[in-house]
């Protein structure tokens, strides 16, 4: 895998870790009342999608289990339809999809997790 792809995967992994940390001890309904939490999650999920969009075809081929088009599409949705974000989807993405994505990134690129992931 190219050095640039490894950097992008590292950015994705770090943003996923941040999103999961932001949600530790939180509940979904807080997205409606905590603007800072909602905006922080939106931003890190956008970072994941932007980095994913910049991974080369060869890099994507090395990680066939990663849903590249879905990740990029979510980034595009968040950026271009920022006024109509479904917080249920955002929460489920962070709580259920990002832990699995982080495991895939760690397996493919050896992007080590410096701290335990929330279950």
PDB file of N, CA and C in Angstrom:
ATOM      1  N   UNK A   1       0.854  -1.177   0.000  1.00  0.00           N
ATOM      2  CA  UNK A   1       0.000   0.000   0.000  1.00  0.00           C
ATOM      3  C   UNK A   1       0.895   1.235   0.000  1.00  0.00           C
ATOM      4  N   UNK A   2       0.465   2.241  -0.739  1.00  0.00           N
ATOM      5  CA  UNK A   2       1.290   3.441  -0.865  1.00  0.00           C
ATOM      6  C   UNK A   2       1.335   4.215   0.456  1.00  0.00           C
ATOM      7  N   UNK A   3       2.394   4.982   0.639  1.00  0.00           N
ATOM      8  CA  UNK A   3       2.478   5.813   1.855  1.00  0.00           C
ATOM      9  C   UNK A   3       1.291   6.781   1.986  1.00  0.00           C
ATOM     10  N   UNK A   4       0.844   7.346   0.859  1.00  0.00           N
ATOM     11  CA  UNK A   4      -0.297   8.261   0.918  1.00  0.00           C
ATOM     12  C   UNK A   4      -1.562   7.541   1.385  1.00  0.00           C
ATOM     13  N   UNK A   5      -1.772   6.329   0.894  1.00  0.00           N
ATOM     14  CA  UNK A   5      -2.942   5.558   1.329  1.00  0.00           C
ATOM     15  C   UNK A   5      -2.853   5.235   2.819  1.00  0.00           C
ATOM     16  N   UNK A   6      -1.670   4.886   3.282  1.00  0.00           N
ATOM     17  CA  UNK A   6      -1.503   4.599   4.710  1.00  0.00           C
ATOM     18  C   UNK A   6      -1.807   5.829   5.567  1.00  0.00           C
ATOM     19  N   UNK A   7      -1.410   6.989   5.083  1.00  0.00           N
ATOM     20  CA  UNK A   7      -1.722   8.227   5.807  1.00  0.00           C
ATOM     21  C   UNK A   7      -3.230   8.437   5.853  1.00  0.00           C
ATOM     22  N   UNK A   8      -3.900   8.243   4.723  1.00  0.00           N
ATOM     23  CA  UNK A   8      -5.362   8.417   4.680  1.00  0.00           C
ATOM     24  C   UNK A   8      -6.051   7.432   5.629  1.00  0.00           C
ATOM     25  N   UNK A   9      -5.604   6.181   5.619  1.00  0.00           N
ATOM     26  CA  UNK A   9      -6.204   5.185   6.518  1.00  0.00           C
ATOM     27  C   UNK A   9      -5.963   5.558   7.974  1.00  0.00           C
ATOM     28  N   UNK A  10      -4.801   6.113   8.251  1.00  0.00           N
ATOM     29  CA  UNK A  10      -4.501   6.572   9.600  1.00  0.00           C
ATOM     30  C   UNK A  10      -5.424   7.719  10.003  1.00  0.00           C
ATOM     31  N   UNK A  11      -5.679   8.637   9.073  1.00  0.00           N
ATOM     32  CA  UNK A  11      -6.606   9.739   9.353  1.00  0.00           C
ATOM     33  C   UNK A  11      -8.005   9.201   9.631  1.00  0.00           C
ATOM     34  N   UNK A  12      -8.427   8.225   8.843  1.00  0.00           N
ATOM     35  CA  UNK A  12      -9.746   7.622   9.040  1.00  0.00           C
ATOM     36  C   UNK A  12      -9.835   6.971  10.411  1.00  0.00           C
ATOM     37  N   UNK A  13      -8.800   6.223  10.774  1.00  0.00           N
ATOM     38  CA  UNK A  13      -8.798   5.529  12.061  1.00  0.00           C
ATOM     39  C   UNK A  13      -8.822   6.517  13.222  1.00  0.00           C
ATOM     40  N   UNK A  14      -8.029   7.559  13.143  1.00  0.00           N
ATOM     41  CA  UNK A  14      -7.995   8.539  14.226  1.00  0.00           C
ATOM     42  C   UNK A  14      -9.337   9.251  14.354  1.00  0.00           C
ATOM     43  N   UNK A  15      -9.951   9.605  13.243  1.00  0.00           N
ATOM     44  CA  UNK A  15     -11.259  10.258  13.299  1.00  0.00           C
ATOM     45  C   UNK A  15     -12.311   9.313  13.868  1.00  0.00           C
ATOM     46  N   UNK A  16     -12.239   8.038  13.525  1.00  0.00           N
ATOM     47  CA  UNK A  16     -13.184   7.062  14.085  1.00  0.00           C
ATOM     48  C   UNK A  16     -13.002   6.946  15.592  1.00  0.00           C
ATOM     49  N   UNK A  17     -11.758   6.910  16.031  1.00  0.00           N
ATOM     50  CA  UNK A  17     -11.492   6.855  17.478  1.00  0.00           C
ATOM     51  C   UNK A  17     -12.051   8.089  18.187  1.00  0.00           C
ATOM     52  N   UNK A  18     -11.863   9.252  17.578  1.00  0.00           N
ATOM     53  CA  UNK A  18     -12.383  10.481  18.174  1.00  0.00           C
ATOM     54  C   UNK A  18     -13.895  10.414  18.309  1.00  0.00           C
ATOM     55  N   UNK A  19     -14.564  10.007  17.253  1.00  0.00           N
ATOM     56  CA  UNK A  19     -16.031   9.933  17.285  1.00  0.00           C
ATOM     57  C   UNK A  19     -16.497   9.005  18.398  1.00  0.00           C
ATOM     58  N   UNK A  20     -15.848   7.870  18.528  1.00  0.00           N
ATOM     59  CA  UNK A  20     -16.249   6.916  19.568  1.00  0.00           C
ATOM     60  C   UNK A  20     -15.962   7.474  20.956  1.00  0.00           C
ATOM     61  N   UNK A  21     -14.844   8.181  21.110  1.00  0.00           N
ATOM     62  CA  UNK A  21     -14.554   8.824  22.405  1.00  0.00           C
ATOM     63  C   UNK A  21     -15.595   9.881  22.743  1.00  0.00           C
ATOM     64  N   UNK A  22     -15.994  10.662  21.745  1.00  0.00           N
ATOM     65  CA  UNK A  22     -16.988  11.710  21.981  1.00  0.00           C
ATOM     66  C   UNK A  22     -18.297  11.133  22.516  1.00  0.00           C
ATOM     67  N   UNK A  23     -18.592   9.890  22.156  1.00  0.00           N
ATOM     68  CA  UNK A  23     -19.874   9.276  22.530  1.00  0.00           C
ATOM     69  C   UNK A  23     -19.819   8.464  23.817  1.00  0.00           C
ATOM     70  N   UNK A  24     -18.631   8.273  24.359  1.00  0.00           N
ATOM     71  CA  UNK A  24     -18.526   7.504  25.599  1.00  0.00           C
ATOM     72  C   UNK A  24     -19.378   8.138  26.692  1.00  0.00           C
ATOM     73  N   UNK A  25     -20.232   7.341  27.304  1.00  0.00           N
ATOM     74  CA  UNK A  25     -21.076   7.812  28.384  1.00  0.00           C
ATOM     75  C   UNK A  25     -22.224   8.701  27.934  1.00  0.00           C
ATOM     76  N   UNK A  26     -22.415   8.818  26.630  1.00  0.00           N
ATOM     77  CA  UNK A  26     -23.484   9.664  26.088  1.00  0.00           C
ATOM     78  C   UNK A  26     -24.615   8.799  25.583  1.00  0.00           C
ATOM     79  N   UNK A  27     -25.747   9.425  25.350  1.00  0.00           N
ATOM     80  CA  UNK A  27     -26.907   8.739  24.799  1.00  0.00           C
ATOM     81  C   UNK A  27     -27.363   9.460  23.541  1.00  0.00           C
ATOM     82  N   UNK A  28     -28.033   8.718  22.688  1.00  0.00           N
ATOM     83  CA  UNK A  28     -28.424   9.251  21.383  1.00  0.00           C
ATOM     84  C   UNK A  28     -29.230  10.538  21.484  1.00  0.00           C
ATOM     85  N   UNK A  29     -30.134  10.615  22.423  1.00  0.00           N
ATOM     86  CA  UNK A  29     -30.992  11.800  22.530  1.00  0.00           C
ATOM     87  C   UNK A  29     -30.188  13.082  22.772  1.00  0.00           C
ATOM     88  N   UNK A  30     -28.952  12.948  23.246  1.00  0.00           N
ATOM     89  CA  UNK A  30     -28.123  14.129  23.488  1.00  0.00           C
ATOM     90  C   UNK A  30     -27.736  14.847  22.196  1.00  0.00           C
ATOM     91  N   UNK A  31     -27.806  14.153  21.076  1.00  0.00           N
ATOM     92  CA  UNK A  31     -27.502  14.812  19.805  1.00  0.00           C
ATOM     93  C   UNK A  31     -28.485  15.943  19.515  1.00  0.00           C
ATOM     94  N   UNK A  32     -29.700  15.816  20.042  1.00  0.00           N
ATOM     95  CA  UNK A  32     -30.706  16.853  19.809  1.00  0.00           C
ATOM     96  C   UNK A  32     -30.464  18.097  20.653  1.00  0.00           C
ATOM     97  N   UNK A  33     -29.881  17.932  21.830  1.00  0.00           N
ATOM     98  CA  UNK A  33     -29.711  19.071  22.735  1.00  0.00           C
ATOM     99  C   UNK A  33     -28.268  19.571  22.834  1.00  0.00           C
ATOM    100  N   UNK A  34     -27.310  18.753  22.452  1.00  0.00           N
ATOM    101  CA  UNK A  34     -25.898  19.127  22.571  1.00  0.00           C
ATOM    102  C   UNK A  34     -25.326  19.442  21.187  1.00  0.00           C
ATOM    103  N   UNK A  35     -25.390  20.699  20.838  1.00  0.00           N
ATOM    104  CA  UNK A  35     -24.923  21.128  19.519  1.00  0.00           C
ATOM    105  C   UNK A  35     -23.448  20.819  19.317  1.00  0.00           C
ATOM    106  N   UNK A  36     -22.647  20.963  20.365  1.00  0.00           N
ATOM    107  CA  UNK A  36     -21.212  20.707  20.231  1.00  0.00           C
ATOM    108  C   UNK A  36     -20.953  19.235  19.912  1.00  0.00           C
ATOM    109  N   UNK A  37     -21.646  18.334  20.579  1.00  0.00           N
ATOM    110  CA  UNK A  37     -21.496  16.904  20.296  1.00  0.00           C
ATOM    111  C   UNK A  37     -21.906  16.606  18.864  1.00  0.00           C
ATOM    112  N   UNK A  38     -23.064  17.109  18.460  1.00  0.00           N
ATOM    113  CA  UNK A  38     -23.563  16.857  17.111  1.00  0.00           C
ATOM    114  C   UNK A  38     -22.580  17.378  16.063  1.00  0.00           C
ATOM    115  N   UNK A  39     -22.093  18.599  16.248  1.00  0.00           N
ATOM    116  CA  UNK A  39     -21.170  19.181  15.271  1.00  0.00           C
ATOM    117  C   UNK A  39     -19.827  18.447  15.259  1.00  0.00           C
ATOM    118  N   UNK A  40     -19.366  18.020  16.420  1.00  0.00           N
ATOM    119  CA  UNK A  40     -18.105  17.270  16.488  1.00  0.00           C
ATOM    120  C   UNK A  40     -18.230  15.948  15.733  1.00  0.00           C
ATOM    121  N   UNK A  41     -19.334  15.248  15.940  1.00  0.00           N
ATOM    122  CA  UNK A  41     -19.535  13.975  15.235  1.00  0.00           C
ATOM    123  C   UNK A  41     -19.660  14.200  13.734  1.00  0.00           C
ATOM    124  N   UNK A  42     -20.388  15.215  13.358  1.00  0.00           N
ATOM    125  CA  UNK A  42     -20.508  15.520  11.926  1.00  0.00           C
ATOM    126  C   UNK A  42     -19.130  15.760  11.320  1.00  0.00           C
ATOM    127  N   UNK A  43     -18.312  16.501  12.016  1.00  0.00           N
ATOM    128  CA  UNK A  43     -16.996  16.841  11.474  1.00  0.00           C
ATOM    129  C   UNK A  43     -16.098  15.609  11.329  1.00  0.00           C
ATOM    130  N   UNK A  44     -16.021  14.782  12.348  1.00  0.00           N
ATOM    131  CA  UNK A  44     -15.115  13.637  12.247  1.00  0.00           C
ATOM    132  C   UNK A  44     -15.620  12.610  11.238  1.00  0.00           C
ATOM    133  N   UNK A  45     -16.925  12.459  11.105  1.00  0.00           N
ATOM    134  CA  UNK A  45     -17.448  11.542  10.085  1.00  0.00           C
ATOM    135  C   UNK A  45     -17.158  12.109   8.694  1.00  0.00           C
ATOM    136  N   UNK A  46     -17.216  13.413   8.542  1.00  0.00           N
ATOM    137  CA  UNK A  46     -16.836  14.025   7.266  1.00  0.00           C
ATOM    138  C   UNK A  46     -15.354  13.780   6.960  1.00  0.00           C
ATOM    139  N   UNK A  47     -14.513  13.874   7.970  1.00  0.00           N
ATOM    140  CA  UNK A  47     -13.084  13.605   7.779  1.00  0.00           C
ATOM    141  C   UNK A  47     -12.880  12.178   7.286  1.00  0.00           C
ATOM    142  N   UNK A  48     -13.584  11.236   7.885  1.00  0.00           N
ATOM    143  CA  UNK A  48     -13.468   9.839   7.462  1.00  0.00           C
ATOM    144  C   UNK A  48     -13.835   9.708   5.987  1.00  0.00           C
ATOM    145  N   UNK A  49     -14.933  10.334   5.599  1.00  0.00           N
ATOM    146  CA  UNK A  49     -15.371  10.257   4.207  1.00  0.00           C
ATOM    147  C   UNK A  49     -14.434  10.947   3.242  1.00  0.00           C
ATOM    148  N   UNK A  50     -13.886  12.071   3.640  1.00  0.00           N
ATOM    149  CA  UNK A  50     -12.949  12.792   2.778  1.00  0.00           C
ATOM    150  C   UNK A  50     -11.662  11.988   2.592  1.00  0.00           C
ATOM    151  N   UNK A  51     -11.154  11.431   3.676  1.00  0.00           N
ATOM    152  CA  UNK A  51      -9.945  10.598   3.566  1.00  0.00           C
ATOM    153  C   UNK A  51     -10.227   9.367   2.700  1.00  0.00           C
ATOM    154  N   UNK A  52     -11.392   8.758   2.893  1.00  0.00           N
ATOM    155  CA  UNK A  52     -11.759   7.574   2.102  1.00  0.00           C
ATOM    156  C   UNK A  52     -11.824   7.907   0.616  1.00  0.00           C
ATOM    157  N   UNK A  53     -12.332   9.088   0.301  1.00  0.00           N
ATOM    158  CA  UNK A  53     -12.439   9.491  -1.104  1.00  0.00           C
ATOM    159  C   UNK A  53     -11.073   9.632  -1.761  1.00  0.00           C
ATOM    160  N   UNK A  54     -10.045   9.854  -0.951  1.00  0.00           N
ATOM    161  CA  UNK A  54      -8.704  10.079  -1.486  1.00  0.00           C
ATOM    162  C   UNK A  54      -7.819   8.826  -1.486  1.00  0.00           C
ATOM    163  N   UNK A  55      -8.357   7.713  -0.981  1.00  0.00           N
ATOM    164  CA  UNK A  55      -7.612   6.454  -1.040  1.00  0.00           C
ATOM    165  C   UNK A  55      -7.631   5.969  -2.494  1.00  0.00           C
ATOM    166  N   UNK A  56      -6.474   5.543  -2.988  1.00  0.00           N
ATOM    167  CA  UNK A  56      -6.354   5.110  -4.377  1.00  0.00           C
ATOM    168  C   UNK A  56      -7.135   3.814  -4.621  1.00  0.00           C
ATOM    169  N   UNK A  57      -7.339   3.513  -5.893  1.00  0.00           N
ATOM    170  CA  UNK A  57      -8.007   2.254  -6.251  1.00  0.00           C
ATOM    171  C   UNK A  57      -7.220   1.059  -5.722  1.00  0.00           C
ATOM    172  N   UNK A  58      -5.896   1.141  -5.789  1.00  0.00           N
ATOM    173  CA  UNK A  58      -5.063   0.048  -5.274  1.00  0.00           C
ATOM    174  C   UNK A  58      -5.223  -0.085  -3.767  1.00  0.00           C
ATOM    175  N   UNK A  59      -5.278   1.039  -3.067  1.00  0.00           N
ATOM    176  CA  UNK A  59      -5.482   1.015  -1.626  1.00  0.00           C
ATOM    177  C   UNK A  59      -6.836   0.432  -1.266  1.00  0.00           C
ATOM    178  N   UNK A  60      -7.856   0.788  -2.029  1.00  0.00           N
ATOM    179  CA  UNK A  60      -9.194   0.244  -1.791  1.00  0.00           C
ATOM    180  C   UNK A  60      -9.225  -1.260  -2.052  1.00  0.00           C
ATOM    181  N   UNK A  61      -8.501  -1.682  -3.073  1.00  0.00           N
ATOM    182  CA  UNK A  61      -8.457  -3.111  -3.393  1.00  0.00           C
ATOM    183  C   UNK A  61      -7.810  -3.908  -2.267  1.00  0.00           C
ATOM    184  N   UNK A  62      -6.907  -3.284  -1.529  1.00  0.00           N
ATOM    185  CA  UNK A  62      -6.249  -3.958  -0.403  1.00  0.00           C
ATOM    186  C   UNK A  62      -7.188  -4.106   0.785  1.00  0.00           C
ATOM    187  N   UNK A  63      -8.303  -3.394   0.748  1.00  0.00           N
ATOM    188  CA  UNK A  63      -9.288  -3.451   1.839  1.00  0.00           C
ATOM    189  C   UNK A  63     -10.681  -3.640   1.237  1.00  0.00           C
ATOM    190  N   UNK A  64     -10.923  -4.794   0.609  1.00  0.00           N
ATOM    191  CA  UNK A  64     -12.190  -4.986  -0.105  1.00  0.00           C
ATOM    192  C   UNK A  64     -13.409  -5.035   0.811  1.00  0.00           C
ATOM    193  N   UNK A  65     -13.206  -5.290   2.096  1.00  0.00           N
ATOM    194  CA  UNK A  65     -14.328  -5.346   3.022  1.00  0.00           C
ATOM    195  C   UNK A  65     -14.840  -3.978   3.439  1.00  0.00           C
ATOM    196  N   UNK A  66     -14.066  -2.940   3.174  1.00  0.00           N
ATOM    197  CA  UNK A  66     -14.473  -1.578   3.535  1.00  0.00           C
ATOM    198  C   UNK A  66     -15.482  -1.097   2.498  1.00  0.00           C
ATOM    199  N   UNK A  67     -16.564  -0.538   2.952  1.00  0.00           N
ATOM    200  CA  UNK A  67     -17.625  -0.052   2.060  1.00  0.00           C
ATOM    201  C   UNK A  67     -17.292   1.372   1.587  1.00  0.00           C
ATOM    202  N   UNK A  68     -16.295   1.475   0.735  1.00  0.00           N
ATOM    203  CA  UNK A  68     -15.783   2.763   0.278  1.00  0.00           C
ATOM    204  C   UNK A  68     -16.868   3.677  -0.265  1.00  0.00           C
ATOM    205  N   UNK A  69     -17.717   3.205  -1.203  1.00  0.00           N
ATOM    206  CA  UNK A  69     -18.733   4.119  -1.756  1.00  0.00           C
ATOM    207  C   UNK A  69     -19.723   4.621  -0.706  1.00  0.00           C
ATOM    208  N   UNK A  70     -20.055   3.783   0.255  1.00  0.00           N
ATOM    209  CA  UNK A  70     -20.998   4.180   1.309  1.00  0.00           C
ATOM    210  C   UNK A  70     -20.382   5.257   2.193  1.00  0.00           C
ATOM    211  N   UNK A  71     -19.110   5.090   2.523  1.00  0.00           N
ATOM    212  CA  UNK A  71     -18.416   6.061   3.377  1.00  0.00           C
ATOM    213  C   UNK A  71     -18.333   7.422   2.680  1.00  0.00           C
ATOM    214  N   UNK A  72     -17.961   7.410   1.412  1.00  0.00           N
ATOM    215  CA  UNK A  72     -17.848   8.656   0.654  1.00  0.00           C
ATOM    216  C   UNK A  72     -19.226   9.292   0.464  1.00  0.00           C
ATOM    217  N   UNK A  73     -20.234   8.477   0.211  1.00  0.00           N
ATOM    218  CA  UNK A  73     -21.595   9.004   0.029  1.00  0.00           C
ATOM    219  C   UNK A  73     -22.101   9.666   1.308  1.00  0.00           C
ATOM    220  N   UNK A  74     -21.763   9.090   2.470  1.00  0.00           N
ATOM    221  CA  UNK A  74     -22.194   9.709   3.715  1.00  0.00           C
ATOM    222  C   UNK A  74     -21.528  11.061   3.893  1.00  0.00           C
ATOM    223  N   UNK A  75     -20.259  11.141   3.588  1.00  0.00           N
ATOM    224  CA  UNK A  75     -19.552  12.431   3.670  1.00  0.00           C
ATOM    225  C   UNK A  75     -20.240  13.453   2.782  1.00  0.00           C
ATOM    226  N   UNK A  76     -20.557  13.054   1.557  1.00  0.00           N
ATOM    227  CA  UNK A  76     -21.203  13.971   0.625  1.00  0.00           C
ATOM    228  C   UNK A  76     -22.568  14.417   1.141  1.00  0.00           C
ATOM    229  N   UNK A  77     -23.300  13.506   1.708  1.00  0.00           N
ATOM    230  CA  UNK A  77     -24.613  13.835   2.261  1.00  0.00           C
ATOM    231  C   UNK A  77     -24.476  14.847   3.410  1.00  0.00           C
ATOM    232  N   UNK A  78     -23.531  14.602   4.302  1.00  0.00           N
ATOM    233  CA  UNK A  78     -23.343  15.500   5.440  1.00  0.00           C
ATOM    234  C   UNK A  78     -22.909  16.895   5.007  1.00  0.00           C
ATOM    235  N   UNK A  79     -22.075  16.954   3.999  1.00  0.00           N
ATOM    236  CA  UNK A  79     -21.566  18.245   3.542  1.00  0.00           C
ATOM    237  C   UNK A  79     -22.618  19.005   2.733  1.00  0.00           C
ATOM    238  N   UNK A  80     -23.292  18.310   1.839  1.00  0.00           N
ATOM    239  CA  UNK A  80     -24.189  18.999   0.906  1.00  0.00           C
ATOM    240  C   UNK A  80     -25.623  19.118   1.401  1.00  0.00           C
ATOM    241  N   UNK A  81     -26.003  18.300   2.366  1.00  0.00           N
ATOM    242  CA  UNK A  81     -27.357  18.397   2.933  1.00  0.00           C
ATOM    243  C   UNK A  81     -27.245  18.623   4.436  1.00  0.00           C
ATOM    244  N   UNK A  82     -26.315  19.490   4.816  1.00  0.00           N
ATOM    245  CA  UNK A  82     -26.022  19.768   6.221  1.00  0.00           C
ATOM    246  C   UNK A  82     -27.259  20.210   6.993  1.00  0.00           C
ATOM    247  N   UNK A  83     -28.245  20.762   6.309  1.00  0.00           N
ATOM    248  CA  UNK A  83     -29.456  21.271   6.943  1.00  0.00           C
ATOM    249  C   UNK A  83     -30.474  20.174   7.216  1.00  0.00           C
ATOM    250  N   UNK A  84     -30.193  18.971   6.737  1.00  0.00           N
ATOM    251  CA  UNK A  84     -31.163  17.886   6.849  1.00  0.00           C
ATOM    252  C   UNK A  84     -30.463  16.593   7.269  1.00  0.00           C
ATOM    253  N   UNK A  85     -29.704  16.646   8.347  1.00  0.00           N
ATOM    254  CA  UNK A  85     -28.970  15.473   8.825  1.00  0.00           C
ATOM    255  C   UNK A  85     -29.868  14.649   9.736  1.00  0.00           C
ATOM    256  N   UNK A  86     -29.906  13.361   9.475  1.00  0.00           N
ATOM    257  CA  UNK A  86     -30.669  12.440  10.303  1.00  0.00           C
ATOM    258  C   UNK A  86     -29.761  12.002  11.456  1.00  0.00           C
ATOM    259  N   UNK A  87     -30.059  12.486  12.653  1.00  0.00           N
ATOM    260  CA  UNK A  87     -29.182  12.185  13.790  1.00  0.00           C
ATOM    261  C   UNK A  87     -29.260  10.716  14.199  1.00  0.00           C
ATOM    262  N   UNK A  88     -30.346  10.035  13.867  1.00  0.00           N
ATOM    263  CA  UNK A  88     -30.418   8.589  14.141  1.00  0.00           C
ATOM    264  C   UNK A  88     -29.356   7.850  13.329  1.00  0.00           C
ATOM    265  N   UNK A  89     -29.234   8.217  12.068  1.00  0.00           N
ATOM    266  CA  UNK A  89     -28.230   7.581  11.205  1.00  0.00           C
ATOM    267  C   UNK A  89     -26.830   7.949  11.675  1.00  0.00           C
ATOM    268  N   UNK A  90     -26.629   9.193  12.045  1.00  0.00           N
ATOM    269  CA  UNK A  90     -25.314   9.620  12.541  1.00  0.00           C
ATOM    270  C   UNK A  90     -24.926   8.819  13.776  1.00  0.00           C
ATOM    271  N   UNK A  91     -25.829   8.690  14.735  1.00  0.00           N
ATOM    272  CA  UNK A  91     -25.553   7.943  15.964  1.00  0.00           C
ATOM    273  C   UNK A  91     -25.252   6.475  15.664  1.00  0.00           C
ATOM    274  N   UNK A  92     -26.074   5.852  14.849  1.00  0.00           N
ATOM    275  CA  UNK A  92     -25.865   4.434  14.513  1.00  0.00           C
ATOM    276  C   UNK A  92     -24.544   4.234  13.779  1.00  0.00           C
ATOM    277  N   UNK A  93     -24.188   5.182  12.947  1.00  0.00           N
ATOM    278  CA  UNK A  93     -22.903   5.095  12.247  1.00  0.00           C
ATOM    279  C   UNK A  93     -21.753   5.083  13.243  1.00  0.00           C
ATOM    280  N   UNK A  94     -21.788   6.017  14.180  1.00  0.00           N
ATOM    281  CA  UNK A  94     -20.700   6.114  15.159  1.00  0.00           C
ATOM    282  C   UNK A  94     -20.681   4.895  16.074  1.00  0.00           C
ATOM    283  N   UNK A  95     -21.827   4.474  16.537  1.00  0.00           N
ATOM    284  CA  UNK A  95     -21.879   3.400  17.531  1.00  0.00           C
ATOM    285  C   UNK A  95     -21.690   2.009  16.945  1.00  0.00           C
ATOM    286  N   UNK A  96     -22.124   1.802  15.707  1.00  0.00           N
ATOM    287  CA  UNK A  96     -22.103   0.452  15.148  1.00  0.00           C
ATOM    288  C   UNK A  96     -21.167   0.287  13.949  1.00  0.00           C
ATOM    289  N   UNK A  97     -21.126   1.269  13.077  1.00  0.00           N
ATOM    290  CA  UNK A  97     -20.303   1.127  11.874  1.00  0.00           C
ATOM    291  C   UNK A  97     -18.840   1.482  12.101  1.00  0.00           C
ATOM    292  N   UNK A  98     -18.583   2.526  12.878  1.00  0.00           N
ATOM    293  CA  UNK A  98     -17.193   2.940  13.063  1.00  0.00           C
ATOM    294  C   UNK A  98     -16.333   1.935  13.815  1.00  0.00           C
ATOM    295  N   UNK A  99     -16.843   1.265  14.857  1.00  0.00           N
ATOM    296  CA  UNK A  99     -15.991   0.248  15.494  1.00  0.00           C
ATOM    297  C   UNK A  99     -15.576  -0.853  14.515  1.00  0.00           C
ATOM    298  N   UNK A 100     -16.503  -1.273  13.659  1.00  0.00           N
ATOM    299  CA  UNK A 100     -16.181  -2.304  12.666  1.00  0.00           C
ATOM    300  C   UNK A 100     -15.185  -1.769  11.639  1.00  0.00           C
ATOM    301  N   UNK A 101     -15.394  -0.524  11.205  1.00  0.00           N
ATOM    302  CA  UNK A 101     -14.460   0.078  10.255  1.00  0.00           C
ATOM    303  C   UNK A 101     -13.066   0.177  10.859  1.00  0.00           C
ATOM    304  N   UNK A 102     -12.991   0.587  12.112  1.00  0.00           N
ATOM    305  CA  UNK A 102     -11.692   0.712  12.768  1.00  0.00           C
ATOM    306  C   UNK A 102     -10.976  -0.642  12.814  1.00  0.00           C
ATOM    307  N   UNK A 103     -11.698  -1.691  13.099  1.00  0.00           N
ATOM    308  CA  UNK A 103     -11.091  -3.027  13.094  1.00  0.00           C
ATOM    309  C   UNK A 103     -10.551  -3.376  11.710  1.00  0.00           C
ATOM    310  N   UNK A 104     -11.308  -3.040  10.670  1.00  0.00           N
ATOM    311  CA  UNK A 104     -10.848  -3.319   9.309  1.00  0.00           C
ATOM    312  C   UNK A 104      -9.585  -2.529   8.991  1.00  0.00           C
ATOM    313  N   UNK A 105      -9.570  -1.270   9.368  1.00  0.00           N
ATOM    314  CA  UNK A 105      -8.395  -0.441   9.095  1.00  0.00           C
ATOM    315  C   UNK A 105      -7.177  -0.959   9.836  1.00  0.00           C
ATOM    316  N   UNK A 106      -7.366  -1.366  11.076  1.00  0.00           N
ATOM    317  CA  UNK A 106      -6.253  -1.903  11.853  1.00  0.00           C
ATOM    318  C   UNK A 106      -5.721  -3.187  11.228  1.00  0.00           C
ATOM    319  N   UNK A 107      -6.614  -4.013  10.718  1.00  0.00           N
ATOM    320  CA  UNK A 107      -6.202  -5.282  10.113  1.00  0.00           C
ATOM    321  C   UNK A 107      -5.480  -5.069   8.787  1.00  0.00           C
ATOM    322  N   UNK A 108      -5.974  -4.150   7.981  1.00  0.00           N
ATOM    323  CA  UNK A 108      -5.413  -3.940   6.645  1.00  0.00           C
ATOM    324  C   UNK A 108      -4.118  -3.155   6.686  1.00  0.00           C
ATOM    325  N   UNK A 109      -4.107  -2.092   7.457  1.00  0.00           N
ATOM    326  CA  UNK A 109      -2.976  -1.168   7.398  1.00  0.00           C
ATOM    327  C   UNK A 109      -2.100  -1.208   8.628  1.00  0.00           C
ATOM    328  N   UNK A 110      -2.455  -2.038   9.594  1.00  0.00           N
ATOM    329  CA  UNK A 110      -1.679  -2.068  10.812  1.00  0.00           C
ATOM    330  C   UNK A 110      -1.782  -0.763  11.571  1.00  0.00           C
ATOM    331  N   UNK A 111      -2.910  -0.072  11.409  1.00  0.00           N
ATOM    332  CA  UNK A 111      -3.136   1.181  12.116  1.00  0.00           C
ATOM    333  C   UNK A 111      -3.511   0.819  13.540  1.00  0.00           C
ATOM    334  N   UNK A 112      -2.540   0.844  14.422  1.00  0.00           N
ATOM    335  CA  UNK A 112      -2.742   0.383  15.797  1.00  0.00           C
ATOM    336  C   UNK A 112      -3.596   1.358  16.583  1.00  0.00           C
ATOM    337  N   UNK A 113      -4.423   0.798  17.429  1.00  0.00           N
ATOM    338  CA  UNK A 113      -5.254   1.604  18.310  1.00  0.00           C
ATOM    339  C   UNK A 113      -4.512   1.864  19.596  1.00  0.00           C
ATOM    340  N   UNK A 114      -4.274   3.130  19.957  1.00  0.00           N
ATOM    341  CA  UNK A 114      -3.514   3.435  21.164  1.00  0.00           C
ATOM    342  C   UNK A 114      -4.323   3.285  22.440  1.00  0.00           C
ATOM    343  N   UNK A 115      -5.604   3.068  22.321  1.00  0.00           N
ATOM    344  CA  UNK A 115      -6.449   2.952  23.507  1.00  0.00           C
ATOM    345  C   UNK A 115      -7.578   1.966  23.229  1.00  0.00           C
ATOM    346  N   UNK A 116      -8.192   1.417  24.233  1.00  0.00           N
ATOM    347  CA  UNK A 116      -9.273   0.473  24.012  1.00  0.00           C
ATOM    348  C   UNK A 116     -10.471   1.150  23.337  1.00  0.00           C
ATOM    349  N   UNK A 117     -11.134   0.397  22.492  1.00  0.00           N
ATOM    350  CA  UNK A 117     -12.336   0.902  21.817  1.00  0.00           C
ATOM    351  C   UNK A 117     -13.546   0.597  22.675  1.00  0.00           C
ATOM    352  N   UNK A 118     -14.548   1.487  22.668  1.00  0.00           N
ATOM    353  CA  UNK A 118     -15.779   1.186  23.404  1.00  0.00           C
ATOM    354  C   UNK A 118     -16.532   0.065  22.697  1.00  0.00           C
ATOM    355  N   UNK A 119     -17.203  -0.764  23.446  1.00  0.00           N
ATOM    356  CA  UNK A 119     -17.975  -1.867  22.838  1.00  0.00           C
ATOM    357  C   UNK A 119     -19.366  -1.443  22.515  1.00  0.00           C
TER     358      UNK A 119
END
